[in-house]
Structures are given as C-alpha cells and as structure tokens.
Amino acid sequence: MARILELHLTPKGRVQKPATPEQLKQFKEAFEKALKQNPQVKYKGTFVDKEGVGVCDWEAPNAQAVEKICKGLNLPYDAIVQVEELKM
C-alpha cells in the first residue's frame, strides 16, 4: 500500500464543512459507501485549519484510487499525490 495525501490549499480546493446536520449525515453515508466499494483504500484522517486549508491522509494502491473516490463524491481538492517517508 502507498501513502496518499489529498491536498486542499487554494480557495478552490479547500475543505468545506456541511452546512446542516442532514448534509453531514448524507455525506457520511456516501463516504462510508464509497469506502466499502473500494476496500483496498483506507482513509486515515483529515487535518484542516480554520480556513479549510488541509490534508487528507490515505493508504491506497495508488493516487488514482483516491482520486476516483473524491471525484465520485464531488470533493474539491488541489492535488492528490503519492508520497514516501523521507528517512533522516
């Protein structure tokens, strides 16, 4: 498995919080369904500041697997990249 980062840096790609509890519920259900349909992809978490600038952390076979999920859910992002740890 590869480490994949989904980057949200510009206004176009920033993380948007659902406006209502119902929207949040609908998003969570769609997100969980997408993960069940793609068992090779593991969501590790999202880290975001108060302006919506952030990073989502994934484990997946490749960046395209994460991109497929994001596009299917209409999630904005600036880039999805496969990274490796820099050993110091």
PDB file of N, CA and C in Angstrom:
ATOM      1  N   MET A   1       0.835  -1.194   0.000  1.00  0.00           N
ATOM      2  CA  MET A   1       0.000   0.000   0.000  1.00  0.00           C
ATOM      3  C   MET A   1       0.874   1.250   0.000  1.00  0.00           C
ATOM      4  N   ALA A   2       0.391   2.249  -0.660  1.00  0.00           N
ATOM      5  CA  ALA A   2       1.104   3.520  -0.748  1.00  0.00           C
ATOM      6  C   ALA A   2       0.449   4.550   0.173  1.00  0.00           C
ATOM      7  N   ARG A   3       1.229   5.524   0.578  1.00  0.00           N
ATOM      8  CA  ARG A   3       0.712   6.659   1.351  1.00  0.00           C
ATOM      9  C   ARG A   3       0.298   7.724   0.359  1.00  0.00           C
ATOM     10  N   ILE A   4      -0.950   8.172   0.459  1.00  0.00           N
ATOM     11  CA  ILE A   4      -1.503   9.152  -0.463  1.00  0.00           C
ATOM     12  C   ILE A   4      -1.979  10.363   0.345  1.00  0.00           C
ATOM     13  N   LEU A   5      -1.616  11.551  -0.109  1.00  0.00           N
ATOM     14  CA  LEU A   5      -2.078  12.786   0.518  1.00  0.00           C
ATOM     15  C   LEU A   5      -2.961  13.542  -0.463  1.00  0.00           C
ATOM     16  N   GLU A   6      -4.097  13.946   0.021  1.00  0.00           N
ATOM     17  CA  GLU A   6      -5.052  14.768  -0.731  1.00  0.00           C
ATOM     18  C   GLU A   6      -4.896  16.184  -0.189  1.00  0.00           C
ATOM     19  N   LEU A   7      -4.465  17.108  -1.040  1.00  0.00           N
ATOM     20  CA  LEU A   7      -4.108  18.455  -0.602  1.00  0.00           C
ATOM     21  C   LEU A   7      -5.222  19.454  -0.897  1.00  0.00           C
ATOM     22  N   HIS A   8      -5.497  20.306   0.086  1.00  0.00           N
ATOM     23  CA  HIS A   8      -6.531  21.348  -0.003  1.00  0.00           C
ATOM     24  C   HIS A   8      -5.865  22.669   0.366  1.00  0.00           C
ATOM     25  N   LEU A   9      -5.334  23.385  -0.629  1.00  0.00           N
ATOM     26  CA  LEU A   9      -4.517  24.558  -0.347  1.00  0.00           C
ATOM     27  C   LEU A   9      -5.114  25.866  -0.840  1.00  0.00           C
ATOM     28  N   THR A  10      -5.711  25.874  -2.006  1.00  0.00           N
ATOM     29  CA  THR A  10      -6.234  27.101  -2.589  1.00  0.00           C
ATOM     30  C   THR A  10      -7.720  27.249  -2.242  1.00  0.00           C
ATOM     31  N   PRO A  11      -8.283  28.434  -2.450  1.00  0.00           N
ATOM     32  CA  PRO A  11      -9.720  28.591  -2.196  1.00  0.00           C
ATOM     33  C   PRO A  11     -10.573  27.571  -2.958  1.00  0.00           C
ATOM     34  N   LYS A  12     -10.186  27.219  -4.175  1.00  0.00           N
ATOM     35  CA  LYS A  12     -10.933  26.239  -4.973  1.00  0.00           C
ATOM     36  C   LYS A  12     -10.929  24.858  -4.324  1.00  0.00           C
ATOM     37  N   GLY A  13      -9.844  24.485  -3.686  1.00  0.00           N
ATOM     38  CA  GLY A  13      -9.712  23.136  -3.158  1.00  0.00           C
ATOM     39  C   GLY A  13      -9.963  22.975  -1.674  1.00  0.00           C
ATOM     40  N   ARG A  14     -10.274  24.042  -1.000  1.00  0.00           N
ATOM     41  CA  ARG A  14     -10.397  23.984   0.460  1.00  0.00           C
ATOM     42  C   ARG A  14     -11.532  23.093   0.927  1.00  0.00           C
ATOM     43  N   VAL A  15     -11.356  22.561   2.125  1.00  0.00           N
ATOM     44  CA  VAL A  15     -12.352  21.686   2.745  1.00  0.00           C
ATOM     45  C   VAL A  15     -13.561  22.524   3.154  1.00  0.00           C
ATOM     46  N   GLN A  16     -14.729  22.087   2.715  1.00  0.00           N
ATOM     47  CA  GLN A  16     -15.982  22.762   3.056  1.00  0.00           C
ATOM     48  C   GLN A  16     -16.733  21.912   4.069  1.00  0.00           C
ATOM     49  N   LYS A  17     -17.134  22.519   5.167  1.00  0.00           N
ATOM     50  CA  LYS A  17     -17.932  21.792   6.158  1.00  0.00           C
ATOM     51  C   LYS A  17     -19.391  21.780   5.712  1.00  0.00           C
ATOM     52  N   PRO A  18     -20.084  20.653   5.888  1.00  0.00           N
ATOM     53  CA  PRO A  18     -21.517  20.626   5.557  1.00  0.00           C
ATOM     54  C   PRO A  18     -22.264  21.674   6.372  1.00  0.00           C
ATOM     55  N   ALA A  19     -23.221  22.332   5.728  1.00  0.00           N
ATOM     56  CA  ALA A  19     -23.934  23.445   6.365  1.00  0.00           C
ATOM     57  C   ALA A  19     -24.949  23.000   7.407  1.00  0.00           C
ATOM     58  N   THR A  20     -25.509  21.800   7.236  1.00  0.00           N
ATOM     59  CA  THR A  20     -26.551  21.350   8.151  1.00  0.00           C
ATOM     60  C   THR A  20     -26.229  19.941   8.650  1.00  0.00           C
ATOM     61  N   PRO A  21     -26.822  19.549   9.784  1.00  0.00           N
ATOM     62  CA  PRO A  21     -26.625  18.177  10.265  1.00  0.00           C
ATOM     63  C   PRO A  21     -27.092  17.130   9.242  1.00  0.00           C
ATOM     64  N   GLU A  22     -28.145  17.423   8.501  1.00  0.00           N
ATOM     65  CA  GLU A  22     -28.635  16.488   7.488  1.00  0.00           C
ATOM     66  C   GLU A  22     -27.616  16.323   6.354  1.00  0.00           C
ATOM     67  N   GLN A  23     -27.000  17.423   5.926  1.00  0.00           N
ATOM     68  CA  GLN A  23     -25.963  17.351   4.892  1.00  0.00           C
ATOM     69  C   GLN A  23     -24.773  16.535   5.380  1.00  0.00           C
ATOM     70  N   LEU A  24     -24.391  16.721   6.642  1.00  0.00           N
ATOM     71  CA  LEU A  24     -23.290  15.954   7.219  1.00  0.00           C
ATOM     72  C   LEU A  24     -23.635  14.465   7.239  1.00  0.00           C
ATOM     73  N   LYS A  25     -24.847  14.141   7.636  1.00  0.00           N
ATOM     74  CA  LYS A  25     -25.289  12.739   7.668  1.00  0.00           C
ATOM     75  C   LYS A  25     -25.240  12.132   6.268  1.00  0.00           C
ATOM     76  N   GLN A  26     -25.746  12.853   5.283  1.00  0.00           N
ATOM     77  CA  GLN A  26     -25.746  12.357   3.907  1.00  0.00           C
ATOM     78  C   GLN A  26     -24.322  12.151   3.396  1.00  0.00           C
ATOM     79  N   PHE A  27     -23.441  13.096   3.711  1.00  0.00           N
ATOM     80  CA  PHE A  27     -22.057  12.960   3.272  1.00  0.00           C
ATOM     81  C   PHE A  27     -21.399  11.738   3.917  1.00  0.00           C
ATOM     82  N   LYS A  28     -21.606  11.571   5.219  1.00  0.00           N
ATOM     83  CA  LYS A  28     -21.006  10.424   5.911  1.00  0.00           C
ATOM     84  C   LYS A  28     -21.479   9.110   5.310  1.00  0.00           C
ATOM     85  N   GLU A  29     -22.752   9.017   5.002  1.00  0.00           N
ATOM     86  CA  GLU A  29     -23.294   7.793   4.403  1.00  0.00           C
ATOM     87  C   GLU A  29     -22.673   7.536   3.026  1.00  0.00           C
ATOM     88  N   ALA A  30     -22.558   8.571   2.208  1.00  0.00           N
ATOM     89  CA  ALA A  30     -21.966   8.419   0.872  1.00  0.00           C
ATOM     90  C   ALA A  30     -20.481   8.068   0.983  1.00  0.00           C
ATOM     91  N   PHE A  31     -19.788   8.676   1.938  1.00  0.00           N
ATOM     92  CA  PHE A  31     -18.366   8.412   2.140  1.00  0.00           C
ATOM     93  C   PHE A  31     -18.148   6.959   2.572  1.00  0.00           C
ATOM     94  N   GLU A  32     -18.929   6.505   3.535  1.00  0.00           N
ATOM     95  CA  GLU A  32     -18.814   5.115   4.005  1.00  0.00           C
ATOM     96  C   GLU A  32     -19.129   4.122   2.887  1.00  0.00           C
ATOM     97  N   LYS A  33     -20.121   4.428   2.062  1.00  0.00           N
ATOM     98  CA  LYS A  33     -20.460   3.569   0.932  1.00  0.00           C
ATOM     99  C   LYS A  33     -19.293   3.501  -0.055  1.00  0.00           C
ATOM    100  N   ALA A  34     -18.675   4.640  -0.344  1.00  0.00           N
ATOM    101  CA  ALA A  34     -17.532   4.675  -1.271  1.00  0.00           C
ATOM    102  C   ALA A  34     -16.373   3.843  -0.731  1.00  0.00           C
ATOM    103  N   LEU A  35     -16.125   3.910   0.568  1.00  0.00           N
ATOM    104  CA  LEU A  35     -15.035   3.118   1.156  1.00  0.00           C
ATOM    105  C   LEU A  35     -15.355   1.623   1.106  1.00  0.00           C
ATOM    106  N   LYS A  36     -16.605   1.257   1.332  1.00  0.00           N
ATOM    107  CA  LYS A  36     -16.991  -0.161   1.251  1.00  0.00           C
ATOM    108  C   LYS A  36     -16.842  -0.690  -0.169  1.00  0.00           C
ATOM    109  N   GLN A  37     -17.101   0.160  -1.149  1.00  0.00           N
ATOM    110  CA  GLN A  37     -16.970  -0.239  -2.548  1.00  0.00           C
ATOM    111  C   GLN A  37     -15.512  -0.303  -2.996  1.00  0.00           C
ATOM    112  N   ASN A  38     -14.612   0.260  -2.210  1.00  0.00           N
ATOM    113  CA  ASN A  38     -13.181   0.296  -2.524  1.00  0.00           C
ATOM    114  C   ASN A  38     -12.392  -0.201  -1.313  1.00  0.00           C
ATOM    115  N   PRO A  39     -12.505  -1.487  -0.968  1.00  0.00           N
ATOM    116  CA  PRO A  39     -11.896  -1.990   0.266  1.00  0.00           C
ATOM    117  C   PRO A  39     -10.367  -1.906   0.297  1.00  0.00           C
ATOM    118  N   GLN A  40      -9.743  -1.715  -0.847  1.00  0.00           N
ATOM    119  CA  GLN A  40      -8.292  -1.590  -0.892  1.00  0.00           C
ATOM    120  C   GLN A  40      -7.822  -0.198  -0.451  1.00  0.00           C
ATOM    121  N   VAL A  41      -8.771   0.746  -0.293  1.00  0.00           N
ATOM    122  CA  VAL A  41      -8.454   2.118   0.091  1.00  0.00           C
ATOM    123  C   VAL A  41      -8.819   2.318   1.562  1.00  0.00           C
ATOM    124  N   LYS A  42      -7.876   2.874   2.319  1.00  0.00           N
ATOM    125  CA  LYS A  42      -8.103   3.137   3.750  1.00  0.00           C
ATOM    126  C   LYS A  42      -7.959   4.635   4.016  1.00  0.00           C
ATOM    127  N   TYR A  43      -8.996   5.235   4.574  1.00  0.00           N
ATOM    128  CA  TYR A  43      -8.980   6.640   4.966  1.00  0.00           C
ATOM    129  C   TYR A  43      -8.384   6.741   6.363  1.00  0.00           C
ATOM    130  N   LYS A  44      -7.356   7.587   6.532  1.00  0.00           N
ATOM    131  CA  LYS A  44      -6.653   7.707   7.812  1.00  0.00           C
ATOM    132  C   LYS A  44      -7.038   8.964   8.598  1.00  0.00           C
ATOM    133  N   GLY A  45      -7.538   9.998   7.910  1.00  0.00           N
ATOM    134  CA  GLY A  45      -7.945  11.200   8.624  1.00  0.00           C
ATOM    135  C   GLY A  45      -7.755  12.464   7.807  1.00  0.00           C
ATOM    136  N   THR A  46      -8.375  13.538   8.302  1.00  0.00           N
ATOM    137  CA  THR A  46      -8.278  14.853   7.679  1.00  0.00           C
ATOM    138  C   THR A  46      -7.772  15.837   8.723  1.00  0.00           C
ATOM    139  N   PHE A  47      -6.861  16.683   8.297  1.00  0.00           N
ATOM    140  CA  PHE A  47      -6.263  17.697   9.159  1.00  0.00           C
ATOM    141  C   PHE A  47      -6.454  19.039   8.472  1.00  0.00           C
ATOM    142  N   VAL A  48      -7.136  19.983   9.148  1.00  0.00           N
ATOM    143  CA  VAL A  48      -7.544  21.223   8.493  1.00  0.00           C
ATOM    144  C   VAL A  48      -7.463  22.393   9.475  1.00  0.00           C
ATOM    145  N   ASP A  49      -7.157  23.593   8.928  1.00  0.00           N
ATOM    146  CA  ASP A  49      -7.165  24.777   9.782  1.00  0.00           C
ATOM    147  C   ASP A  49      -8.521  25.476   9.668  1.00  0.00           C
ATOM    148  N   LYS A  50      -8.682  26.604  10.343  1.00  0.00           N
ATOM    149  CA  LYS A  50      -9.985  27.264  10.385  1.00  0.00           C
ATOM    150  C   LYS A  50     -10.431  27.834   9.034  1.00  0.00           C
ATOM    151  N   GLU A  51      -9.501  28.001   8.088  1.00  0.00           N
ATOM    152  CA  GLU A  51      -9.854  28.483   6.749  1.00  0.00           C
ATOM    153  C   GLU A  51     -10.163  27.357   5.764  1.00  0.00           C
ATOM    154  N   GLY A  52     -10.013  26.112   6.183  1.00  0.00           N
ATOM    155  CA  GLY A  52     -10.274  24.994   5.295  1.00  0.00           C
ATOM    156  C   GLY A  52      -9.054  24.488   4.551  1.00  0.00           C
ATOM    157  N   VAL A  53      -7.877  25.044   4.848  1.00  0.00           N
ATOM    158  CA  VAL A  53      -6.633  24.548   4.259  1.00  0.00           C
ATOM    159  C   VAL A  53      -6.283  23.261   4.983  1.00  0.00           C
ATOM    160  N   GLY A  54      -5.990  22.208   4.229  1.00  0.00           N
ATOM    161  CA  GLY A  54      -5.718  20.967   4.924  1.00  0.00           C
ATOM    162  C   GLY A  54      -5.180  19.851   4.055  1.00  0.00           C
ATOM    163  N   VAL A  55      -5.084  18.687   4.700  1.00  0.00           N
ATOM    164  CA  VAL A  55      -4.556  17.477   4.089  1.00  0.00           C
ATOM    165  C   VAL A  55      -5.406  16.299   4.560  1.00  0.00           C
ATOM    166  N   CYS A  56      -5.745  15.406   3.620  1.00  0.00           N
ATOM    167  CA  CYS A  56      -6.377  14.142   3.957  1.00  0.00           C
ATOM    168  C   CYS A  56      -5.344  13.046   3.748  1.00  0.00           C
ATOM    169  N   ASP A  57      -5.279  12.126   4.676  1.00  0.00           N
ATOM    170  CA  ASP A  57      -4.283  11.058   4.694  1.00  0.00           C
ATOM    171  C   ASP A  57      -4.960   9.737   4.337  1.00  0.00           C
ATOM    172  N   TRP A  58      -4.403   9.015   3.363  1.00  0.00           N
ATOM    173  CA  TRP A  58      -4.968   7.762   2.867  1.00  0.00           C
ATOM    174  C   TRP A  58      -3.883   6.711   2.711  1.00  0.00           C
ATOM    175  N   GLU A  59      -4.291   5.452   2.719  1.00  0.00           N
ATOM    176  CA  GLU A  59      -3.473   4.334   2.254  1.00  0.00           C
ATOM    177  C   GLU A  59      -4.243   3.720   1.094  1.00  0.00           C
ATOM    178  N   ALA A  60      -3.565   3.528  -0.031  1.00  0.00           N
ATOM    179  CA  ALA A  60      -4.234   3.007  -1.225  1.00  0.00           C
ATOM    180  C   ALA A  60      -3.195   2.415  -2.162  1.00  0.00           C
ATOM    181  N   PRO A  61      -3.639   1.647  -3.141  1.00  0.00           N
ATOM    182  CA  PRO A  61      -2.694   1.090  -4.104  1.00  0.00           C
ATOM    183  C   PRO A  61      -1.973   2.183  -4.899  1.00  0.00           C
ATOM    184  N   ASN A  62      -2.687   3.318  -5.140  1.00  0.00           N
ATOM    185  CA  ASN A  62      -2.104   4.426  -5.899  1.00  0.00           C
ATOM    186  C   ASN A  62      -2.984   5.665  -5.731  1.00  0.00           C
ATOM    187  N   ALA A  63      -2.491   6.796  -6.227  1.00  0.00           N
ATOM    188  CA  ALA A  63      -3.231   8.056  -6.108  1.00  0.00           C
ATOM    189  C   ALA A  63      -4.540   8.024  -6.889  1.00  0.00           C
ATOM    190  N   GLN A  64      -4.572   7.289  -7.994  1.00  0.00           N
ATOM    191  CA  GLN A  64      -5.777   7.234  -8.817  1.00  0.00           C
ATOM    192  C   GLN A  64      -6.958   6.620  -8.059  1.00  0.00           C
ATOM    193  N   ALA A  65      -6.695   5.693  -7.160  1.00  0.00           N
ATOM    194  CA  ALA A  65      -7.769   5.073  -6.378  1.00  0.00           C
ATOM    195  C   ALA A  65      -8.441   6.103  -5.467  1.00  0.00           C
ATOM    196  N   VAL A  66      -7.650   6.987  -4.869  1.00  0.00           N
ATOM    197  CA  VAL A  66      -8.205   8.043  -4.015  1.00  0.00           C
ATOM    198  C   VAL A  66      -8.911   9.093  -4.877  1.00  0.00           C
ATOM    199  N   GLU A  67      -8.309   9.437  -6.001  1.00  0.00           N
ATOM    200  CA  GLU A  67      -8.923  10.413  -6.902  1.00  0.00           C
ATOM    201  C   GLU A  67     -10.298   9.939  -7.360  1.00  0.00           C
ATOM    202  N   LYS A  68     -10.448   8.661  -7.638  1.00  0.00           N
ATOM    203  CA  LYS A  68     -11.735   8.092  -8.053  1.00  0.00           C
ATOM    204  C   LYS A  68     -12.802   8.326  -6.975  1.00  0.00           C
ATOM    205  N   ILE A  69     -12.439   8.091  -5.723  1.00  0.00           N
ATOM    206  CA  ILE A  69     -13.387   8.299  -4.620  1.00  0.00           C
ATOM    207  C   ILE A  69     -13.753   9.776  -4.497  1.00  0.00           C
ATOM    208  N   CYS A  70     -12.755  10.647  -4.526  1.00  0.00           N
ATOM    209  CA  CYS A  70     -13.007  12.086  -4.377  1.00  0.00           C
ATOM    210  C   CYS A  70     -13.889  12.622  -5.494  1.00  0.00           C
ATOM    211  N   LYS A  71     -13.604  12.207  -6.721  1.00  0.00           N
ATOM    212  CA  LYS A  71     -14.422  12.671  -7.842  1.00  0.00           C
ATOM    213  C   LYS A  71     -15.839  12.132  -7.741  1.00  0.00           C
ATOM    214  N   GLY A  72     -15.988  10.888  -7.311  1.00  0.00           N
ATOM    215  CA  GLY A  72     -17.313  10.302  -7.156  1.00  0.00           C
ATOM    216  C   GLY A  72     -18.155  11.006  -6.111  1.00  0.00           C
ATOM    217  N   LEU A  73     -17.495  11.606  -5.118  1.00  0.00           N
ATOM    218  CA  LEU A  73     -18.199  12.327  -4.055  1.00  0.00           C
ATOM    219  C   LEU A  73     -18.229  13.834  -4.290  1.00  0.00           C
ATOM    220  N   ASN A  74     -17.701  14.283  -5.420  1.00  0.00           N
ATOM    221  CA  ASN A  74     -17.607  15.717  -5.737  1.00  0.00           C
ATOM    222  C   ASN A  74     -16.840  16.495  -4.676  1.00  0.00           C
ATOM    223  N   LEU A  75     -15.774  15.911  -4.168  1.00  0.00           N
ATOM    224  CA  LEU A  75     -14.957  16.584  -3.160  1.00  0.00           C
ATOM    225  C   LEU A  75     -13.919  17.474  -3.842  1.00  0.00           C
ATOM    226  N   PRO A  76     -13.831  18.742  -3.442  1.00  0.00           N
ATOM    227  CA  PRO A  76     -12.803  19.594  -4.024  1.00  0.00           C
ATOM    228  C   PRO A  76     -11.427  19.237  -3.451  1.00  0.00           C
ATOM    229  N   TYR A  77     -10.415  19.383  -4.286  1.00  0.00           N
ATOM    230  CA  TYR A  77      -9.034  19.198  -3.841  1.00  0.00           C
ATOM    231  C   TYR A  77      -8.134  19.887  -4.851  1.00  0.00           C
ATOM    232  N   ASP A  78      -6.915  20.174  -4.434  1.00  0.00           N
ATOM    233  CA  ASP A  78      -5.949  20.790  -5.342  1.00  0.00           C
ATOM    234  C   ASP A  78      -5.026  19.756  -5.972  1.00  0.00           C
ATOM    235  N   ALA A  79      -4.667  18.744  -5.209  1.00  0.00           N
ATOM    236  CA  ALA A  79      -3.787  17.698  -5.737  1.00  0.00           C
ATOM    237  C   ALA A  79      -3.936  16.451  -4.879  1.00  0.00           C
ATOM    238  N   ILE A  80      -3.692  15.310  -5.510  1.00  0.00           N
ATOM    239  CA  ILE A  80      -3.627  14.036  -4.806  1.00  0.00           C
ATOM    240  C   ILE A  80      -2.292  13.422  -5.210  1.00  0.00           C
ATOM    241  N   VAL A  81      -1.442  13.189  -4.221  1.00  0.00           N
ATOM    242  CA  VAL A  81      -0.082  12.740  -4.518  1.00  0.00           C
ATOM    243  C   VAL A  81       0.294  11.524  -3.692  1.00  0.00           C
ATOM    244  N   GLN A  82       1.085  10.658  -4.299  1.00  0.00           N
ATOM    245  CA  GLN A  82       1.661   9.516  -3.581  1.00  0.00           C
ATOM    246  C   GLN A  82       2.998   9.988  -3.012  1.00  0.00           C
ATOM    247  N   VAL A  83       3.222   9.733  -1.727  1.00  0.00           N
ATOM    248  CA  VAL A  83       4.434  10.183  -1.065  1.00  0.00           C
ATOM    249  C   VAL A  83       5.139   9.034  -0.376  1.00  0.00           C
ATOM    250  N   GLU A  84       6.400   9.242  -0.102  1.00  0.00           N
ATOM    251  CA  GLU A  84       7.190   8.277   0.667  1.00  0.00           C
ATOM    252  C   GLU A  84       7.851   9.033   1.806  1.00  0.00           C
ATOM    253  N   GLU A  85       8.035   8.346   2.915  1.00  0.00           N
ATOM    254  CA  GLU A  85       8.689   8.964   4.070  1.00  0.00           C
ATOM    255  C   GLU A  85      10.145   9.227   3.744  1.00  0.00           C
ATOM    256  N   LEU A  86      10.605  10.394   4.094  1.00  0.00           N
ATOM    257  CA  LEU A  86      11.997  10.764   3.936  1.00  0.00           C
ATOM    258  C   LEU A  86      12.749  10.327   5.193  1.00  0.00           C
ATOM    259  N   LYS A  87      13.534   9.296   5.080  1.00  0.00           N
ATOM    260  CA  LYS A  87      14.264   8.767   6.243  1.00  0.00           C
ATOM    261  C   LYS A  87      15.454   9.679   6.530  1.00  0.00           C
ATOM    262  N   MET A  88      15.547  10.126   7.734  1.00  0.00           N
ATOM    263  CA  MET A  88      16.636  11.030   8.149  1.00  0.00           C
ATOM    264  C   MET A  88      17.626  10.283   9.014  1.00  0.00           C
TER     265      MET A  88
END
